[in-house]
Protein backbone atom coordinates (compact mmCIF):
# COMPACT_ATOMS: atom_id res chain seq x y z
CA MET A 1 0.00 0.00 0.00
CA ARG A 2 1.37 3.40 -1.02
CA LEU A 3 1.25 6.10 1.66
CA LEU A 4 1.64 9.83 0.96
CA VAL A 5 2.54 12.11 3.87
CA THR A 6 1.85 15.83 3.33
CA HIS A 7 2.19 19.12 5.25
CA ALA A 8 4.93 17.71 7.48
CA ARG A 9 7.75 19.36 9.37
CA LEU A 10 10.32 16.87 8.12
CA ILE A 11 13.49 16.02 10.03
CA ALA A 12 15.33 13.62 7.74
CA VAL A 13 18.70 13.19 9.57
CA PRO A 14 20.47 12.35 6.29
CA ALA A 15 23.74 10.45 6.11
CA GLY A 16 27.01 12.15 5.25
CA THR A 17 26.31 15.49 6.92
CA ASP A 18 25.73 16.97 10.37
CA ASP A 19 22.75 18.91 9.01
CA PRO A 20 19.49 17.48 10.43
CA GLY A 21 17.85 17.93 7.03
CA TYR A 22 14.95 20.03 8.28
CA ILE A 23 12.15 20.98 5.87
CA GLU A 24 9.53 23.38 7.25
CA GLU A 25 6.76 21.95 5.08
CA GLY A 26 7.36 18.82 3.08
CA TRP A 27 6.04 15.52 1.84
CA MET A 28 7.10 11.89 1.69
CA LEU A 29 5.91 8.97 -0.41
CA VAL A 30 6.11 5.38 0.85
CA GLY A 31 6.01 2.65 -1.79
CA ASP A 32 4.27 -0.72 -1.76
CA ASP A 33 7.49 -2.27 -0.47
CA GLY A 34 7.42 -0.23 2.75
CA ARG A 35 10.38 1.89 1.68
CA ILE A 36 10.65 5.62 1.08
CA ALA A 37 10.06 6.22 -2.63
CA ALA A 38 10.38 10.01 -2.67
CA ILE A 39 10.72 12.94 -0.28
CA GLY A 40 10.81 16.68 -0.77
CA ALA A 41 9.85 20.22 0.17
CA GLY A 42 6.52 21.87 -0.53
CA ASP A 43 3.72 19.89 -2.16
CA PRO A 44 4.21 16.54 -3.91
CA PRO A 45 4.50 16.71 -7.69
CA VAL A 46 1.26 16.87 -9.61
CA GLY A 47 0.07 13.37 -10.38
CA THR A 48 1.54 11.74 -7.26
CA THR A 49 -0.89 9.04 -6.18
CA ALA A 50 -1.23 6.86 -3.11
CA ASP A 51 -3.68 4.46 -1.50
CA GLU A 52 -3.67 6.51 1.69
CA ILE A 53 -2.88 10.15 2.46
CA LEU A 54 -1.66 11.29 5.87
CA ASP A 55 -2.00 15.04 6.32
CA ALA A 56 0.50 15.74 9.09
CA GLY A 57 -0.97 19.21 9.62
CA GLY A 58 2.32 20.77 10.68
CA SER A 59 3.40 17.92 12.94
CA PHE A 60 7.00 16.77 12.95
CA VAL A 61 7.71 13.68 10.87
CA ALA A 62 11.07 12.22 11.87
CA PRO A 63 12.89 8.89 11.79
CA GLY A 64 11.77 6.29 14.29
CA PHE A 65 14.28 6.16 17.12
CA VAL A 66 16.96 3.50 17.12
CA SER A 67 18.11 2.07 20.45
CA SER A 68 21.63 0.72 20.09
CA HIS A 69 21.49 -1.09 23.45
CA SER A 70 18.31 -2.65 24.84
CA HIS A 71 17.03 -5.55 26.97
CA LEU A 72 13.41 -5.95 25.95
CA PHE A 73 12.71 -8.88 28.28
CA THR A 74 12.86 -6.58 31.34
CA SER A 75 9.64 -4.68 30.69
CA GLY A 76 7.84 -6.10 33.73
CA LEU A 77 10.70 -5.53 36.16
CA ARG A 78 10.64 -1.77 36.65
CA GLY A 79 11.15 -0.51 40.16
CA LEU A 80 13.54 -3.23 41.32
CA GLY A 81 16.94 -2.50 42.85
CA VAL A 82 16.26 1.22 43.08
CA ALA A 83 18.75 1.67 45.94
CA GLU A 84 21.47 -0.37 44.20
CA THR A 85 24.25 0.14 41.70
CA LEU A 86 24.67 -2.27 38.80
CA TYR A 87 25.48 -5.55 40.53
CA GLY A 88 22.89 -5.22 43.29
CA TRP A 89 20.30 -4.16 40.73
CA CYS A 90 21.18 -7.22 38.64
CA ASP A 91 20.65 -9.42 41.70
CA ALA A 92 17.14 -7.99 42.07
CA MET A 93 16.22 -7.94 38.38
CA LEU A 94 18.12 -10.84 36.78
CA GLY A 95 17.74 -12.81 39.98
CA THR A 96 14.05 -12.73 39.09
CA THR A 97 14.43 -13.68 35.43
CA ALA A 98 16.49 -16.68 36.57
CA HIS A 99 13.14 -18.24 37.49
CA MET A 100 11.42 -17.46 34.18
CA THR A 101 10.38 -20.13 31.70
CA ALA A 102 10.69 -19.78 27.93
CA ASP A 103 6.99 -18.90 27.82
CA ASP A 104 7.41 -16.27 30.55
CA VAL A 105 10.26 -14.59 28.72
CA TYR A 106 8.34 -14.65 25.42
CA TRP A 107 5.50 -12.52 26.82
CA SER A 108 7.85 -10.26 28.75
CA THR A 109 9.89 -9.60 25.60
CA LEU A 110 6.79 -9.02 23.50
CA HIS A 111 5.49 -6.55 26.08
CA GLY A 112 8.84 -4.74 26.10
CA ALA A 113 9.03 -4.49 22.32
CA LEU A 114 5.51 -3.09 22.09
CA ASP A 115 6.41 -0.61 24.82
CA PHE A 116 9.37 0.58 22.74
CA LEU A 117 7.16 1.00 19.68
CA SER A 118 4.58 2.97 21.64
CA ASN A 119 7.33 5.44 22.53
CA GLY A 120 8.59 5.84 18.98
CA VAL A 121 11.47 3.34 19.02
CA THR A 122 11.22 1.34 15.79
CA THR A 123 14.59 -0.48 15.83
CA ALA A 124 16.45 -2.00 18.78
CA TYR A 125 19.68 -3.83 19.40
CA ASN A 126 18.21 -6.41 21.74
CA PHE A 127 20.31 -8.25 24.32
CA THR A 128 18.40 -11.44 25.04
CA ASP A 129 18.49 -12.91 28.53
CA PRO A 130 21.29 -15.52 28.26
CA LEU A 131 20.73 -19.25 28.56
CA GLN A 132 22.95 -19.25 31.63
CA SER A 133 21.02 -17.62 34.44
CA TRP A 134 22.40 -14.79 36.55
CA GLU A 135 24.76 -15.37 39.45
CA SER A 136 25.84 -12.72 41.94
CA MET A 137 29.12 -10.90 41.42
CA VAL A 138 31.74 -11.00 44.18
CA ASP A 139 34.39 -8.28 43.92
CA GLY A 140 33.35 -7.77 40.33
CA LYS A 141 33.81 -11.45 39.47
CA ARG A 142 31.59 -14.49 38.97
CA VAL A 143 32.23 -18.22 39.01
CA GLY A 144 30.34 -19.06 35.81
CA ASP A 145 28.57 -22.19 37.03
CA ALA A 146 24.98 -20.96 37.14
CA ARG A 147 22.14 -23.07 35.77
CA MET A 148 21.76 -23.35 31.98
CA ARG A 149 18.38 -23.22 30.27
CA GLU A 150 17.32 -24.90 27.05
CA LEU A 151 17.81 -23.30 23.63
CA ASP A 152 14.16 -22.30 23.36
CA TYR A 153 14.76 -19.79 26.15
CA HIS A 154 16.62 -17.73 23.54
CA THR A 155 14.58 -18.56 20.46
CA ARG A 156 11.32 -17.59 22.14
CA GLN A 157 12.78 -14.14 22.84
CA ALA A 158 13.66 -13.74 19.17
CA ASP A 159 10.16 -14.91 18.23
CA ALA A 160 8.57 -12.35 20.56
CA THR A 161 10.62 -9.50 19.15
CA ARG A 162 9.57 -10.44 15.63
CA ASP A 163 5.92 -10.90 16.65
CA ALA A 164 5.90 -7.39 18.13
CA GLY A 165 6.76 -5.88 14.74
CA ILE A 166 9.84 -3.96 15.87
CA ARG A 167 13.03 -4.21 13.80
CA PHE A 168 15.91 -5.68 15.76
CA VAL A 169 19.43 -7.00 15.90
CA ASP A 170 19.31 -10.17 18.01
CA SER A 171 22.14 -10.26 20.56
CA ILE A 172 22.95 -13.70 21.92
CA GLY A 173 25.14 -14.73 24.86
CA MET A 174 27.71 -17.46 24.19
CA ASP A 175 27.92 -18.60 27.85
CA VAL A 176 31.49 -19.82 27.33
CA THR A 177 31.88 -21.48 30.74
CA VAL A 178 29.38 -24.20 29.86
CA GLY A 179 30.33 -27.08 27.57
CA SER A 180 33.27 -27.81 25.29
CA ASP A 181 34.29 -25.23 22.70
CA ASP A 182 32.55 -27.28 19.99
CA GLU A 183 29.38 -27.37 22.07
CA ILE A 184 29.55 -23.62 22.70
CA PHE A 185 29.86 -22.85 18.98
CA ALA A 186 27.13 -25.32 18.04
CA ARG A 187 24.75 -23.81 20.59
CA PHE A 188 25.46 -20.29 19.38
CA ALA A 189 25.14 -21.33 15.73
CA ALA A 190 21.68 -22.80 16.40
CA SER A 191 20.48 -19.50 17.86
CA VAL A 192 21.94 -17.52 14.96
CA ALA A 193 20.29 -19.84 12.45
CA HIS A 194 16.91 -19.37 14.12
CA THR A 195 17.18 -15.59 13.86
CA ARG A 196 18.45 -15.64 10.29
CA ALA A 197 15.46 -17.73 9.21
CA MET A 198 13.15 -14.80 10.06
CA ASP A 199 12.06 -11.98 7.75
CA PRO A 200 15.30 -10.03 7.15
CA ASP A 201 13.41 -6.74 7.02
CA PHE A 202 12.66 -7.22 10.73
CA ALA A 203 15.43 -9.48 12.02
CA LEU A 204 18.17 -7.17 10.79
CA GLY A 205 21.04 -9.30 12.04
CA ALA A 206 22.51 -11.52 14.73
CA SER A 207 25.16 -10.43 17.20
CA ILE A 208 27.11 -11.55 20.25
CA MET A 209 26.26 -10.33 23.73
CA GLY A 210 29.88 -9.74 24.74
CA GLN A 211 30.38 -11.29 28.17
CA VAL A 212 34.12 -10.91 28.76
CA GLN A 213 33.45 -8.36 31.51
CA TRP A 214 31.54 -11.01 33.44
CA SER A 215 33.32 -14.20 32.40
CA PRO A 216 35.88 -15.99 34.57
CA ARG A 217 37.20 -17.81 31.49
CA GLU A 218 40.43 -16.29 30.19
CA GLU A 219 39.71 -17.43 26.62
CA ALA A 220 36.29 -15.72 26.48
CA ALA A 221 37.42 -12.90 24.16
CA TRP A 222 39.12 -15.32 21.76
CA LEU A 223 35.99 -17.47 21.57
CA GLU A 224 33.83 -14.42 20.84
CA VAL A 225 36.22 -13.25 18.12
CA GLU A 226 36.23 -16.71 16.55
CA ALA A 227 32.41 -16.66 16.53
CA MET A 228 32.43 -13.19 14.91
CA ARG A 229 34.62 -14.50 12.11
CA ARG A 230 33.02 -17.92 11.75
CA TYR A 231 29.39 -16.73 11.66
CA GLY A 232 29.76 -13.18 10.33
CA VAL A 233 28.15 -11.54 13.37
CA THR A 234 28.78 -8.33 15.28
CA ASN A 235 29.53 -8.04 19.00
CA GLN A 236 28.52 -5.54 21.66
CA ALA A 237 30.01 -5.93 25.12
CA HIS A 238 28.83 -4.45 28.40
CA PHE A 239 32.11 -2.91 29.44
CA LEU A 240 33.49 -0.54 32.07
CA GLU A 241 30.00 0.29 33.28
CA SER A 242 29.95 0.03 37.06
CA PRO A 243 32.09 1.99 39.54
CA GLU A 244 32.84 -1.25 41.43
CA ALA A 245 36.03 -3.28 40.89
CA VAL A 246 37.24 -0.79 38.29
CA GLU A 247 40.80 -2.05 38.01
CA HIS A 248 39.56 -5.60 37.44
CA GLN A 249 37.21 -4.32 34.74
CA ARG A 250 39.97 -2.36 33.01
CA SER A 251 42.24 -5.38 32.98
CA LYS A 252 39.76 -7.12 30.65
CA PHE A 253 40.31 -4.54 27.89
CA ALA A 254 43.58 -6.19 26.91
CA GLN A 255 41.76 -9.47 26.30
CA TYR A 256 39.52 -7.94 23.65
CA ARG A 257 42.42 -5.97 22.15
CA ASP A 258 44.79 -8.93 21.98
CA ALA A 259 42.11 -11.20 20.54
CA GLY A 260 41.60 -8.79 17.62
CA ALA A 261 38.04 -7.77 18.51
CA LEU A 262 38.61 -4.04 18.03
CA GLY A 263 39.46 -4.42 14.36
CA LEU A 264 36.28 -6.41 13.78
CA GLY A 265 34.14 -3.46 14.90
CA LEU A 266 33.48 -4.37 18.53
CA VAL A 267 31.00 -2.03 20.22
CA PHE A 268 31.52 -1.16 23.87
CA GLY A 269 28.26 -0.67 25.75
CA HIS A 270 28.43 2.03 28.49
CA PHE A 271 32.26 2.48 28.44
CA ILE A 272 32.28 4.81 31.45
CA GLN A 273 35.18 3.79 33.72
CA THR A 274 37.75 4.37 30.99
CA THR A 275 41.20 5.94 30.85
CA PRO A 276 42.59 8.19 28.08
CA GLU A 277 44.83 5.29 27.05
CA ILE A 278 41.90 2.85 26.74
CA ILE A 279 39.89 5.35 24.70
CA ASP A 280 42.84 6.02 22.39
CA GLU A 281 43.45 2.30 21.84
CA ALA A 282 39.76 1.65 21.24
CA VAL A 283 39.55 4.43 18.65
CA ALA A 284 42.77 3.38 16.92
CA GLY A 285 41.52 -0.21 16.78
CA GLY A 286 38.18 0.74 15.23
CA ALA A 287 35.81 0.05 18.14
CA ALA A 288 32.56 1.98 18.62
CA MET A 289 30.53 2.87 21.71
CA SER A 290 26.87 2.73 22.78
CA TRP A 291 25.80 5.36 25.30
CA GLN A 292 22.88 4.94 27.73
CA PRO A 293 22.42 8.28 29.54
CA ALA A 294 19.25 7.52 31.52
CA SER A 295 20.43 4.08 32.62
CA ASN A 296 23.86 5.38 33.62
CA GLY A 297 22.22 7.97 35.84
CA ARG A 298 19.61 5.59 37.30
CA LEU A 299 22.27 3.05 38.35
CA ALA A 300 24.76 5.70 39.54
CA SER A 301 27.26 4.32 37.05
CA GLY A 302 28.71 7.68 36.05
CA THR A 303 28.91 9.78 32.90
CA ALA A 304 30.74 8.54 29.81
CA GLN A 305 33.19 10.93 28.16
CA VAL A 306 31.18 11.05 24.95
CA PRO A 307 32.27 14.46 23.58
CA GLU A 308 35.91 13.44 24.00
CA MET A 309 35.28 10.10 22.28
CA LEU A 310 33.52 11.80 19.38
CA ALA A 311 36.34 14.32 19.06
CA LYS A 312 38.80 11.44 18.73
CA GLY A 313 36.76 9.89 15.95
CA MET A 314 34.89 7.16 17.77
CA LYS A 315 31.48 6.25 16.38
CA VAL A 316 28.78 6.57 19.05
CA GLY A 317 25.12 5.60 19.19
CA ILE A 318 22.54 6.01 21.92
CA GLY A 319 20.49 3.25 23.52
CA LEU A 320 17.58 3.26 25.96
CA ASP A 321 18.95 0.19 27.75
CA ASP A 322 15.96 -1.48 29.39
CA GLN A 323 12.74 -0.60 31.12
CA ALA A 324 14.07 -1.99 34.40
CA CYS A 325 16.77 0.71 34.60
CA THR A 326 15.41 3.47 32.37
CA ASP A 327 11.92 3.08 33.83
CA VAL A 328 10.13 4.95 31.03
CA SER A 329 11.12 4.07 27.46
CA ASP A 330 11.21 7.74 26.50
CA PRO A 331 13.86 8.56 23.87
CA TRP A 332 13.33 12.31 24.31
CA GLN A 333 14.03 12.01 28.03
CA ASN A 334 17.08 9.90 27.19
CA MET A 335 18.42 12.55 24.81
CA ARG A 336 17.84 15.38 27.26
CA MET A 337 19.54 13.50 30.07
CA GLY A 338 22.52 13.00 27.81
CA ILE A 339 22.69 16.68 26.94
CA TYR A 340 22.31 17.78 30.56
CA GLN A 341 24.89 15.31 31.89
CA GLN A 342 27.58 16.37 29.43
CA ARG A 343 26.92 20.09 29.81
CA ALA A 344 27.01 19.80 33.60
CA ARG A 345 30.15 17.65 33.57
CA LEU A 346 32.07 20.00 31.27
CA GLN A 347 30.28 23.23 32.25
CA ASP A 348 29.97 23.99 28.56
CA PRO A 349 26.66 24.31 26.67
CA LEU A 350 28.44 23.37 23.44
CA ALA A 351 29.54 20.03 24.87
CA MET A 352 26.38 18.42 23.52
CA MET A 353 23.88 20.05 21.19
CA PRO A 354 20.33 18.85 20.40
CA GLU A 355 21.01 18.19 16.72
CA GLN A 356 23.94 16.01 17.63
CA VAL A 357 22.14 13.91 20.22
CA LEU A 358 19.19 13.37 17.84
CA ARG A 359 21.59 11.95 15.26
CA LEU A 360 23.14 9.66 17.90
CA HIS A 361 19.70 8.23 18.80
CA THR A 362 18.74 7.60 15.17
CA LEU A 363 21.33 7.28 12.39
CA GLY A 364 24.32 7.08 14.75
CA ALA A 365 22.79 4.17 16.60
CA ALA A 366 21.98 2.46 13.30
CA GLU A 367 25.58 2.95 12.15
CA ILE A 368 27.19 1.21 15.11
CA MET A 369 24.64 -1.61 14.78
CA GLY A 370 25.56 -2.08 11.13
CA VAL A 371 22.05 -1.35 9.83
CA ALA A 372 22.29 2.27 8.67
CA ASP A 373 21.71 1.19 5.08
CA ARG A 374 18.14 0.31 6.06
CA VAL A 375 17.04 2.45 9.04
CA GLY A 376 17.92 5.56 11.03
CA SER A 377 17.01 8.35 8.61
CA LEU A 378 14.32 9.40 6.14
CA GLU A 379 16.03 8.83 2.80
CA VAL A 380 14.89 7.33 -0.48
CA GLY A 381 15.33 3.57 -0.47
CA LYS A 382 15.31 3.18 3.29
CA LEU A 383 12.57 1.47 5.27
CA ALA A 384 9.78 3.94 6.06
CA ASP A 385 9.96 3.91 9.86
CA PHE A 386 8.85 7.25 11.26
CA VAL A 387 7.09 9.07 14.07
CA VAL A 388 4.49 11.82 13.89
CA VAL A 389 4.91 14.33 16.72
CA ASP A 390 2.49 17.22 17.26
CA PRO A 391 4.06 20.32 18.88
CA ARG A 392 0.57 21.72 19.54
CA ARG A 393 -0.75 18.77 21.56
CA PRO A 394 0.19 19.91 24.12
CA ASP A 395 1.25 23.26 22.75
CA VAL A 396 4.90 24.06 23.44
CA GLY A 397 4.67 27.55 21.99
CA PRO A 398 6.50 29.07 19.02
CA LEU A 399 9.13 26.88 17.40
CA TRP A 400 12.03 29.33 17.41
CA HIS A 401 14.36 26.56 16.33
CA PRO A 402 12.23 23.58 15.28
CA VAL A 403 14.83 20.80 15.47
CA ARG A 404 16.05 21.95 18.87
CA SER A 405 12.45 22.19 20.07
CA TYR A 406 11.86 18.67 18.77
CA VAL A 407 14.64 17.36 21.03
CA LEU A 408 14.21 19.64 24.03
CA ALA A 409 10.44 20.15 24.27
CA MET A 410 8.82 17.02 22.81
CA SER A 411 7.94 13.86 24.71
CA PRO A 412 5.65 10.83 24.30
CA ARG A 413 2.71 13.08 25.17
CA ASN A 414 3.27 14.78 21.77
CA LEU A 415 3.72 11.49 19.93
CA THR A 416 0.57 10.79 17.93
CA ARG A 417 1.54 8.01 15.52
CA VAL A 418 4.29 5.48 14.92
CA TYR A 419 4.83 3.83 11.53
CA VAL A 420 7.01 0.84 10.62
CA GLY A 421 7.44 0.31 6.90
CA GLY A 422 4.71 2.87 6.25
CA VAL A 423 2.23 0.86 8.35
CA LEU A 424 0.63 2.41 11.43
CA VAL A 425 1.66 0.34 14.47
CA ASP A 426 0.70 2.67 17.32
CA ASP A 427 -1.91 5.43 17.47
CA ARG A 428 -1.64 7.71 20.51
CA GLY A 429 -0.38 4.89 22.72
CA THR A 430 -2.74 2.22 21.39
CA SER A 431 -0.98 -0.63 19.63
CA SER A 432 -2.45 -2.16 16.49
CA ASN A 433 -0.71 -5.46 17.27
CA PRO A 434 -3.32 -8.21 17.82
CA LEU A 435 -1.23 -9.66 20.67
CA ALA A 436 -0.99 -6.41 22.66
CA ALA A 437 -3.82 -7.07 25.11
CA GLU A 438 -2.75 -10.65 25.70
CA ALA A 439 0.87 -9.57 26.24
CA SER A 440 -0.22 -7.21 29.00
CA ALA A 441 -2.42 -9.81 30.69
CA ARG A 442 0.21 -12.55 30.41
CA LEU A 443 2.95 -10.28 31.78
CA HIS A 444 1.02 -9.51 34.96
CA GLU A 445 0.01 -13.13 35.41
CA SER A 446 3.37 -14.74 34.68
CA LEU A 447 5.52 -12.38 36.75
CA ALA A 448 3.35 -12.94 39.81
CA GLU A 449 4.04 -16.65 39.37
CA VAL A 450 7.78 -16.03 38.81
CA ALA A 451 7.94 -14.09 42.07
CA ARG A 452 6.34 -17.05 43.86
CA ARG A 453 8.99 -19.39 42.44
CA ARG A 454 11.81 -17.22 43.71
CA PRO A 455 13.17 -18.20 47.17
CA THR A 456 13.25 -14.54 48.25
CA HIS A 457 11.04 -11.70 47.09
CA PRO A 458 12.81 -9.45 44.53
CA HIS A 459 12.43 -6.50 46.93
């Protein structure tokens, strides 16, 4: 079905320039294939036809947000570990998921993906809950002997993400302390094959959930690098996040460097407790970074040196992390927190500008995920994933600088519609997904049962 959007304040965020590509009044045509067929200023050319016309009426039309770091299975676990930093929060949150079944995690993931869509996030790098359940950290270390779950615990998470209708990169833990090396690779390969059998317009790729930071196995980085090469997958590692056991965390950087992960495009998630030397080596090696401002503040992890990393040439994208540590999946709040943190840290309003942070949460995130050829901006040939945001409902006043107002003054209360591939998936917070009501009911029912299975209450 062809869709024609008219009378839109377009923010295209095009590749190859820092210009946000703002058009005060423009139009966009979506083809039958769900991709952008044409886009321009003013009125569409005479003779342009479509099956449906969306008159934006002066609303912003901008790319759907891309979250370069997400855990969609955590949607029902908000409010846990509020008085804790990372490891204590993980005990509360992942200590709960350790008692989930494959069916439980399916509905929790589906609920989380629909929640992202309802807040304008149309693509997510999704860390699935690993097959090996959580075990508490002691002095920043773990033993690696926690219980393993069956393969369907992962595949059901991938199924749920696809069923929600969000585009995603499926990130899979290798759990390298369980089984022989051949068994580890075979297990990982089975998960990758499941994801790659899905519609490639939605399952945009498979990736490794880098676990070197957590793993007691010295060969963990080498195994991950071998999997990257053998299966042609990317890798994003939670790294240098928490202020605990910092020297132990930093010592793991050499493992990734020496294994050759940097040159394969490793992405560091969080990357807060760094040193100038680590940043320089990461940039020189070709690594990228995913920044989670709201999560980093919520867990008292600290503030990443993002302006310095960008100045050195590191590619950076922004992620919402998960609902259990961002609480509200609000990309506008996430962008503003990032701006405020950097300006306060450096006492410089130019440290982070609205146009820049918008790019990091759309095209920049898509770039470090390896999917910028398909999503992240409104350009001809790309998938037509976009949000419609009304600056008059509620009215924020005159738009002295429209793009800056879009970042600084908009929120989900202004979000009226979300489209994926030119198809309406959420209308003012109401999902069009036929599983939405069941996902909500199942989440409440299943998590009550999970809490009963747990020896101690998550609080």
